[in-house]
Protein backbone atom coordinates (compact mmCIF):
# COMPACT_ATOMS: atom_id res chain seq x y z
CA MET A 1 83.76 0.61 111.69
CA ASP A 2 83.53 3.94 113.66
CA SER A 3 84.69 5.68 110.34
CA ILE A 4 81.89 3.81 108.38
CA ASP A 5 79.38 4.63 110.98
CA GLU A 6 80.29 8.21 110.87
CA LEU A 7 79.86 8.36 107.12
CA ALA A 8 76.58 6.76 107.65
CA GLY A 9 75.70 9.69 109.95
CA TRP A 10 76.24 11.89 106.87
CA VAL A 11 74.10 9.87 104.86
CA LEU A 12 77.15 8.58 102.80
CA VAL A 13 77.06 4.69 102.82
CA PRO A 14 79.44 3.07 100.48
CA PRO A 15 77.61 0.25 98.44
CA VAL A 16 80.79 -1.82 98.35
CA LEU A 17 84.05 -1.68 100.20
CA VAL A 18 87.46 -3.18 98.93
CA PRO A 19 89.73 -3.35 102.07
CA ASP A 20 93.33 -5.13 102.06
CA ALA A 21 93.91 -8.64 103.34
CA GLY A 22 94.52 -7.43 106.93
CA TYR A 23 90.72 -6.57 107.15
CA GLY A 24 89.97 -9.80 105.10
CA GLN A 25 91.35 -11.79 108.07
CA ASN A 26 89.09 -10.08 110.68
CA ALA A 27 85.73 -11.79 110.97
CA ASP A 28 84.41 -9.11 113.20
CA PHE A 29 84.96 -6.51 110.58
CA ARG A 30 83.43 -8.69 107.80
CA ASP A 31 80.38 -9.39 110.07
CA GLY A 32 80.06 -5.60 110.88
CA LEU A 33 79.85 -4.77 107.09
CA SER A 34 77.31 -7.46 106.65
CA GLU A 35 75.13 -6.17 109.47
CA ARG A 36 75.22 -2.82 107.84
CA GLY A 37 74.27 -4.03 104.51
CA ILE A 38 77.72 -3.11 103.00
CA GLY A 39 79.03 -5.39 100.38
CA TYR A 40 82.67 -6.12 100.32
CA VAL A 41 85.48 -7.81 98.35
CA VAL A 42 88.45 -8.81 100.54
CA ALA A 43 91.54 -10.82 100.13
CA VAL A 44 91.94 -13.79 102.46
CA ARG A 45 95.06 -15.62 103.24
CA SER A 46 95.13 -19.18 102.19
CA ASP A 47 95.58 -20.40 105.85
CA VAL A 48 92.38 -18.71 107.02
CA THR A 49 89.58 -21.25 107.59
CA VAL A 50 85.99 -20.08 106.93
CA HIS A 51 82.85 -21.72 108.43
CA ALA A 52 79.52 -20.71 109.40
CA HIS A 53 79.25 -18.49 112.58
CA ASP A 54 77.09 -21.02 114.39
CA ALA A 55 79.08 -24.15 113.24
CA ARG A 56 79.94 -26.74 115.98
CA PRO A 57 82.69 -29.25 115.73
CA THR A 58 81.74 -32.85 115.58
CA VAL A 59 83.68 -36.08 116.06
CA PRO A 60 83.06 -38.83 113.49
CA ALA A 61 81.62 -42.04 114.77
C-alpha cells in the first residue's frame, strides 16, 4: 500500500490493479484498495472464505 500511496502523491492512481493470488488472500490489501477507490481483479484460492466485514456467526435454533 505504501507504493500505491506514493504513486498517488505523484497524481498517478491506477484505475485497476491485477495483483497475484498472494494479494488476493489478503483482506487488508483488498480493503485498502477499496478505501482508495482503486478497482482490482485478484485470484483467490478455493479454500478462502469470503463474507461481509461485519458478519457475525449465528447458531441455528
